[in-house]
PDB file of all heavy atoms in Angstrom:
ATOM      1  N   ALA A   1    -116.847 288.190  -0.779  1.00  0.00           N
ATOM      2  CA  ALA A   1    -117.879 287.490  -1.538  1.00  0.00           C
ATOM      3  C   ALA A   1    -118.157 288.175  -2.872  1.00  0.00           C
ATOM      4  O   ALA A   1    -118.350 287.521  -3.898  1.00  0.00           O
ATOM      5  CB  ALA A   1    -119.162 287.408  -0.713  1.00  0.00           C
ATOM      6  N   ARG A   2    -118.175 289.492  -2.875  1.00  0.00           N
ATOM      7  CA  ARG A   2    -118.437 290.223  -4.121  1.00  0.00           C
ATOM      8  C   ARG A   2    -117.333 289.947  -5.149  1.00  0.00           C
ATOM      9  O   ARG A   2    -117.606 289.748  -6.334  1.00  0.00           O
ATOM     10  CB  ARG A   2    -118.527 291.713  -3.838  1.00  0.00           C
ATOM     11  CG  ARG A   2    -118.802 292.567  -5.076  1.00  0.00           C
ATOM     12  CD  ARG A   2    -119.080 293.997  -4.675  1.00  0.00           C
ATOM     13  NE  ARG A   2    -118.002 294.518  -3.836  1.00  0.00           N
ATOM     14  CZ  ARG A   2    -118.140 295.558  -3.019  1.00  0.00           C
ATOM     15  NH1 ARG A   2    -119.307 296.182  -2.913  1.00  0.00           N
ATOM     16  NH2 ARG A   2    -117.113 295.981  -2.298  1.00  0.00           N
ATOM     17  N   THR A   3    -116.098 289.918  -4.692  1.00  0.00           N
ATOM     18  CA  THR A   3    -114.987 289.611  -5.591  1.00  0.00           C
ATOM     19  C   THR A   3    -115.133 288.218  -6.195  1.00  0.00           C
ATOM     20  O   THR A   3    -114.996 288.023  -7.412  1.00  0.00           O
ATOM     21  CB  THR A   3    -113.647 289.701  -4.828  1.00  0.00           C
ATOM     22  OG1 THR A   3    -113.476 291.025  -4.338  1.00  0.00           O
ATOM     23  CG2 THR A   3    -112.486 289.339  -5.734  1.00  0.00           C
ATOM     24  N   TYR A   4    -115.416 287.229  -5.341  1.00  0.00           N
ATOM     25  CA  TYR A   4    -115.575 285.846  -5.800  1.00  0.00           C
ATOM     26  C   TYR A   4    -116.735 285.736  -6.798  1.00  0.00           C
ATOM     27  O   TYR A   4    -116.615 285.108  -7.853  1.00  0.00           O
ATOM     28  CB  TYR A   4    -115.839 284.941  -4.594  1.00  0.00           C
ATOM     29  CG  TYR A   4    -115.916 283.475  -4.921  1.00  0.00           C
ATOM     30  CD1 TYR A   4    -114.796 282.657  -4.851  1.00  0.00           C
ATOM     31  CD2 TYR A   4    -117.123 282.893  -5.294  1.00  0.00           C
ATOM     32  CE1 TYR A   4    -114.862 281.306  -5.147  1.00  0.00           C
ATOM     33  CE2 TYR A   4    -117.208 281.546  -5.596  1.00  0.00           C
ATOM     34  CZ  TYR A   4    -116.076 280.752  -5.520  1.00  0.00           C
ATOM     35  OH  TYR A   4    -116.158 279.415  -5.829  1.00  0.00           O
ATOM     36  N   LEU A   5    -117.852 286.388  -6.470  1.00  0.00           N
ATOM     37  CA  LEU A   5    -119.046 286.268  -7.293  1.00  0.00           C
ATOM     38  C   LEU A   5    -118.883 286.928  -8.656  1.00  0.00           C
ATOM     39  O   LEU A   5    -119.340 286.390  -9.677  1.00  0.00           O
ATOM     40  CB  LEU A   5    -120.244 286.876  -6.564  1.00  0.00           C
ATOM     41  CG  LEU A   5    -120.848 286.009  -5.463  1.00  0.00           C
ATOM     42  CD1 LEU A   5    -121.856 286.811  -4.658  1.00  0.00           C
ATOM     43  CD2 LEU A   5    -121.512 284.777  -6.070  1.00  0.00           C
ATOM     44  N   ARG A   6    -118.261 288.077  -8.720  1.00  0.00           N
ATOM     45  CA  ARG A   6    -118.141 288.764  -9.999  1.00  0.00           C
ATOM     46  C   ARG A   6    -117.287 287.964 -10.981  1.00  0.00           C
ATOM     47  O   ARG A   6    -117.585 287.920 -12.182  1.00  0.00           O
ATOM     48  CB  ARG A   6    -117.571 290.164  -9.792  1.00  0.00           C
ATOM     49  CG  ARG A   6    -118.615 291.130  -9.244  1.00  0.00           C
ATOM     50  CD  ARG A   6    -118.126 292.558  -9.198  1.00  0.00           C
ATOM     51  NE  ARG A   6    -119.250 293.474  -8.991  1.00  0.00           N
ATOM     52  CZ  ARG A   6    -119.123 294.769  -8.787  1.00  0.00           C
ATOM     53  NH1 ARG A   6    -117.908 295.325  -8.738  1.00  0.00           N
ATOM     54  NH2 ARG A   6    -120.190 295.524  -8.629  1.00  0.00           N
ATOM     55  N   ILE A   7    -116.270 287.324 -10.479  1.00  0.00           N
ATOM     56  CA  ILE A   7    -115.464 286.464 -11.350  1.00  0.00           C
ATOM     57  C   ILE A   7    -116.285 285.271 -11.815  1.00  0.00           C
ATOM     58  O   ILE A   7    -116.268 284.896 -12.997  1.00  0.00           O
ATOM     59  CB  ILE A   7    -114.198 286.001 -10.608  1.00  0.00           C
ATOM     60  CG1 ILE A   7    -113.296 287.196 -10.303  1.00  0.00           C
ATOM     61  CG2 ILE A   7    -113.451 284.947 -11.420  1.00  0.00           C
ATOM     62  CD1 ILE A   7    -112.151 286.874  -9.367  1.00  0.00           C
ATOM     63  N   THR A   8    -117.018 284.671 -10.896  1.00  0.00           N
ATOM     64  CA  THR A   8    -117.835 283.503 -11.234  1.00  0.00           C
ATOM     65  C   THR A   8    -118.951 283.864 -12.203  1.00  0.00           C
ATOM     66  O   THR A   8    -119.232 283.118 -13.156  1.00  0.00           O
ATOM     67  CB  THR A   8    -118.433 282.884  -9.957  1.00  0.00           C
ATOM     68  OG1 THR A   8    -117.373 282.599  -9.033  1.00  0.00           O
ATOM     69  CG2 THR A   8    -119.178 281.598 -10.274  1.00  0.00           C
ATOM     70  N   PHE A   9    -119.612 284.995 -11.982  1.00  0.00           N
ATOM     71  CA  PHE A   9    -120.672 285.427 -12.883  1.00  0.00           C
ATOM     72  C   PHE A   9    -120.126 285.721 -14.281  1.00  0.00           C
ATOM     73  O   PHE A   9    -120.804 285.468 -15.286  1.00  0.00           O
ATOM     74  CB  PHE A   9    -121.374 286.671 -12.333  1.00  0.00           C
ATOM     75  CG  PHE A   9    -122.404 286.371 -11.289  1.00  0.00           C
ATOM     76  CD1 PHE A   9    -122.386 287.013 -10.054  1.00  0.00           C
ATOM     77  CD2 PHE A   9    -123.426 285.462 -11.529  1.00  0.00           C
ATOM     78  CE1 PHE A   9    -123.336 286.750  -9.088  1.00  0.00           C
ATOM     79  CE2 PHE A   9    -124.388 285.184 -10.566  1.00  0.00           C
ATOM     80  CZ  PHE A   9    -124.342 285.829  -9.344  1.00  0.00           C
ATOM     81  N   ALA A  10    -118.918 286.242 -14.361  1.00  0.00           N
ATOM     82  CA  ALA A  10    -118.322 286.528 -15.671  1.00  0.00           C
ATOM     83  C   ALA A  10    -118.152 285.249 -16.488  1.00  0.00           C
ATOM     84  O   ALA A  10    -118.199 285.277 -17.721  1.00  0.00           O
ATOM     85  CB  ALA A  10    -116.976 287.235 -15.496  1.00  0.00           C
ATOM     86  N   GLY A  11    -117.955 284.128 -15.807  1.00  0.00           N
ATOM     87  CA  GLY A  11    -117.819 282.849 -16.505  1.00  0.00           C
ATOM     88  C   GLY A  11    -119.044 281.968 -16.392  1.00  0.00           C
ATOM     89  O   GLY A  11    -118.955 280.748 -16.588  1.00  0.00           O
ATOM     90  N   ALA A  12    -120.201 282.572 -16.117  1.00  0.00           N
ATOM     91  CA  ALA A  12    -121.418 281.786 -15.894  1.00  0.00           C
ATOM     92  C   ALA A  12    -121.812 280.953 -17.111  1.00  0.00           C
ATOM     93  O   ALA A  12    -122.365 279.857 -16.969  1.00  0.00           O
ATOM     94  CB  ALA A  12    -122.568 282.708 -15.500  1.00  0.00           C
ATOM     95  N   PHE A  13    -121.515 281.454 -18.314  1.00  0.00           N
ATOM     96  CA  PHE A  13    -121.912 280.724 -19.516  1.00  0.00           C
ATOM     97  C   PHE A  13    -121.252 279.344 -19.570  1.00  0.00           C
ATOM     98  O   PHE A  13    -121.811 278.405 -20.147  1.00  0.00           O
ATOM     99  CB  PHE A  13    -121.571 281.532 -20.768  1.00  0.00           C
ATOM    100  CG  PHE A  13    -120.099 281.632 -21.052  1.00  0.00           C
ATOM    101  CD1 PHE A  13    -119.483 280.733 -21.916  1.00  0.00           C
ATOM    102  CD2 PHE A  13    -119.323 282.611 -20.454  1.00  0.00           C
ATOM    103  CE1 PHE A  13    -118.124 280.818 -22.179  1.00  0.00           C
ATOM    104  CE2 PHE A  13    -117.966 282.699 -20.717  1.00  0.00           C
ATOM    105  CZ  PHE A  13    -117.364 281.799 -21.580  1.00  0.00           C
ATOM    106  N   THR A  14    -120.063 279.209 -18.963  1.00  0.00           N
ATOM    107  CA  THR A  14    -119.397 277.909 -18.966  1.00  0.00           C
ATOM    108  C   THR A  14    -120.189 276.887 -18.157  1.00  0.00           C
ATOM    109  O   THR A  14    -120.295 275.721 -18.545  1.00  0.00           O
ATOM    110  CB  THR A  14    -117.972 278.030 -18.395  1.00  0.00           C
ATOM    111  OG1 THR A  14    -118.036 278.399 -17.006  1.00  0.00           O
ATOM    112  CG2 THR A  14    -117.163 279.070 -19.139  1.00  0.00           C
ATOM    113  N   MET A  15    -120.757 277.321 -17.042  1.00  0.00           N
ATOM    114  CA  MET A  15    -121.549 276.430 -16.210  1.00  0.00           C
ATOM    115  C   MET A  15    -122.831 276.027 -16.938  1.00  0.00           C
ATOM    116  O   MET A  15    -123.245 274.865 -16.907  1.00  0.00           O
ATOM    117  CB  MET A  15    -121.898 277.107 -14.887  1.00  0.00           C
ATOM    118  CG  MET A  15    -122.700 276.231 -13.937  1.00  0.00           C
ATOM    119  SD  MET A  15    -123.173 277.092 -12.428  1.00  0.00           S
ATOM    120  CE  MET A  15    -124.387 278.255 -13.072  1.00  0.00           C
ATOM    121  N   PHE A  16    -123.475 276.980 -17.623  1.00  0.00           N
ATOM    122  CA  PHE A  16    -124.708 276.689 -18.340  1.00  0.00           C
ATOM    123  C   PHE A  16    -124.471 275.657 -19.433  1.00  0.00           C
ATOM    124  O   PHE A  16    -125.215 274.676 -19.559  1.00  0.00           O
ATOM    125  CB  PHE A  16    -125.268 277.981 -18.948  1.00  0.00           C
ATOM    126  CG  PHE A  16    -126.099 278.804 -18.012  1.00  0.00           C
ATOM    127  CD1 PHE A  16    -125.583 279.272 -16.813  1.00  0.00           C
ATOM    128  CD2 PHE A  16    -127.407 279.123 -18.317  1.00  0.00           C
ATOM    129  CE1 PHE A  16    -126.333 280.034 -15.951  1.00  0.00           C
ATOM    130  CE2 PHE A  16    -128.182 279.884 -17.457  1.00  0.00           C
ATOM    131  CZ  PHE A  16    -127.655 280.347 -16.273  1.00  0.00           C
ATOM    132  N   VAL A  17    -123.458 275.891 -20.256  1.00  0.00           N
ATOM    133  CA  VAL A  17    -123.169 274.973 -21.356  1.00  0.00           C
ATOM    134  C   VAL A  17    -122.772 273.598 -20.824  1.00  0.00           C
ATOM    135  O   VAL A  17    -123.175 272.566 -21.371  1.00  0.00           O
ATOM    136  CB  VAL A  17    -122.061 275.553 -22.259  1.00  0.00           C
ATOM    137  CG1 VAL A  17    -121.629 274.530 -23.308  1.00  0.00           C
ATOM    138  CG2 VAL A  17    -122.547 276.830 -22.944  1.00  0.00           C
ATOM    139  N   LEU A  18    -122.016 273.583 -19.728  1.00  0.00           N
ATOM    140  CA  LEU A  18    -121.598 272.313 -19.135  1.00  0.00           C
ATOM    141  C   LEU A  18    -122.798 271.534 -18.616  1.00  0.00           C
ATOM    142  O   LEU A  18    -122.913 270.318 -18.852  1.00  0.00           O
ATOM    143  CB  LEU A  18    -120.603 272.573 -18.000  1.00  0.00           C
ATOM    144  CG  LEU A  18    -120.021 271.353 -17.288  1.00  0.00           C
ATOM    145  CD1 LEU A  18    -119.280 270.450 -18.272  1.00  0.00           C
ATOM    146  CD2 LEU A  18    -119.094 271.788 -16.168  1.00  0.00           C
ATOM    147  N   PHE A  19    -123.711 272.191 -17.909  1.00  0.00           N
ATOM    148  CA  PHE A  19    -124.907 271.530 -17.385  1.00  0.00           C
ATOM    149  C   PHE A  19    -125.733 270.915 -18.510  1.00  0.00           C
ATOM    150  O   PHE A  19    -126.113 269.744 -18.468  1.00  0.00           O
ATOM    151  CB  PHE A  19    -125.772 272.535 -16.621  1.00  0.00           C
ATOM    152  CG  PHE A  19    -125.412 272.681 -15.173  1.00  0.00           C
ATOM    153  CD1 PHE A  19    -124.196 272.252 -14.683  1.00  0.00           C
ATOM    154  CD2 PHE A  19    -126.294 273.273 -14.288  1.00  0.00           C
ATOM    155  CE1 PHE A  19    -123.857 272.396 -13.351  1.00  0.00           C
ATOM    156  CE2 PHE A  19    -125.975 273.432 -12.953  1.00  0.00           C
ATOM    157  CZ  PHE A  19    -124.750 272.991 -12.481  1.00  0.00           C
ATOM    158  N   VAL A  20    -126.025 271.741 -19.517  1.00  0.00           N
ATOM    159  CA  VAL A  20    -126.900 271.281 -20.600  1.00  0.00           C
ATOM    160  C   VAL A  20    -126.206 270.215 -21.442  1.00  0.00           C
ATOM    161  O   VAL A  20    -126.817 269.214 -21.824  1.00  0.00           O
ATOM    162  CB  VAL A  20    -127.349 272.474 -21.464  1.00  0.00           C
ATOM    163  CG1 VAL A  20    -128.100 271.988 -22.703  1.00  0.00           C
ATOM    164  CG2 VAL A  20    -128.243 273.407 -20.649  1.00  0.00           C
ATOM    165  N   GLY A  21    -124.931 270.409 -21.743  1.00  0.00           N
ATOM    166  CA  GLY A  21    -124.208 269.409 -22.523  1.00  0.00           C
ATOM    167  C   GLY A  21    -124.160 268.061 -21.822  1.00  0.00           C
ATOM    168  O   GLY A  21    -124.391 267.011 -22.444  1.00  0.00           O
ATOM    169  N   ASN A  22    -123.870 268.067 -20.530  1.00  0.00           N
ATOM    170  CA  ASN A  22    -123.874 266.812 -19.772  1.00  0.00           C
ATOM    171  C   ASN A  22    -125.254 266.183 -19.743  1.00  0.00           C
ATOM    172  O   ASN A  22    -125.396 264.954 -19.763  1.00  0.00           O
ATOM    173  CB  ASN A  22    -123.385 267.056 -18.351  1.00  0.00           C
ATOM    174  CG  ASN A  22    -121.870 267.158 -18.258  1.00  0.00           C
ATOM    175  OD1 ASN A  22    -121.146 266.739 -19.161  1.00  0.00           O
ATOM    176  ND2 ASN A  22    -121.371 267.733 -17.179  1.00  0.00           N
ATOM    177  N   SER A  23    -126.301 267.022 -19.679  1.00  0.00           N
ATOM    178  CA  SER A  23    -127.671 266.504 -19.647  1.00  0.00           C
ATOM    179  C   SER A  23    -128.045 265.843 -20.966  1.00  0.00           C
ATOM    180  O   SER A  23    -128.754 264.835 -20.988  1.00  0.00           O
ATOM    181  CB  SER A  23    -128.650 267.643 -19.337  1.00  0.00           C
ATOM    182  OG  SER A  23    -128.429 268.158 -18.037  1.00  0.00           O
ATOM    183  N   VAL A  24    -127.579 266.393 -22.072  1.00  0.00           N
ATOM    184  CA  VAL A  24    -127.833 265.778 -23.378  1.00  0.00           C
ATOM    185  C   VAL A  24    -127.166 264.409 -23.447  1.00  0.00           C
ATOM    186  O   VAL A  24    -127.774 263.420 -23.895  1.00  0.00           O
ATOM    187  CB  VAL A  24    -127.320 266.691 -24.518  1.00  0.00           C
ATOM    188  CG1 VAL A  24    -127.343 265.950 -25.852  1.00  0.00           C
ATOM    189  CG2 VAL A  24    -128.178 267.951 -24.605  1.00  0.00           C
ATOM    190  N   LEU A  25    -125.923 264.331 -23.007  1.00  0.00           N
ATOM    191  CA  LEU A  25    -125.231 263.040 -22.993  1.00  0.00           C
ATOM    192  C   LEU A  25    -125.940 262.047 -22.071  1.00  0.00           C
ATOM    193  O   LEU A  25    -126.081 260.868 -22.395  1.00  0.00           O
ATOM    194  CB  LEU A  25    -123.786 263.240 -22.532  1.00  0.00           C
ATOM    195  CG  LEU A  25    -122.867 263.994 -23.500  1.00  0.00           C
ATOM    196  CD1 LEU A  25    -121.532 264.318 -22.832  1.00  0.00           C
ATOM    197  CD2 LEU A  25    -122.642 263.185 -24.771  1.00  0.00           C
ATOM    198  N   GLN A  26    -126.381 262.543 -20.929  1.00  0.00           N
ATOM    199  CA  GLN A  26    -127.105 261.703 -19.979  1.00  0.00           C
ATOM    200  C   GLN A  26    -128.375 261.146 -20.610  1.00  0.00           C
ATOM    201  O   GLN A  26    -128.681 259.955 -20.487  1.00  0.00           O
ATOM    202  CB  GLN A  26    -127.475 262.524 -18.742  1.00  0.00           C
ATOM    203  CG  GLN A  26    -128.537 261.901 -17.856  1.00  0.00           C
ATOM    204  CD  GLN A  26    -129.207 262.917 -16.954  1.00  0.00           C
ATOM    205  OE1 GLN A  26    -128.564 263.841 -16.479  1.00  0.00           O
ATOM    206  NE2 GLN A  26    -130.507 262.754 -16.737  1.00  0.00           N
ATOM    207  N   ALA A  27    -129.123 262.012 -21.276  1.00  0.00           N
ATOM    208  CA  ALA A  27    -130.382 261.590 -21.894  1.00  0.00           C
ATOM    209  C   ALA A  27    -130.160 260.529 -22.955  1.00  0.00           C
ATOM    210  O   ALA A  27    -131.014 259.664 -23.174  1.00  0.00           O
ATOM    211  CB  ALA A  27    -131.085 262.797 -22.503  1.00  0.00           C
TER     212      ALA A  27
END
């Protein structure tokens, strides 16, 4: 789990930008 999470956390900014960008389009 630690291995999986550290890789995912390193790319967390991609999830943030994707969430917000999709929300802007949705709005």
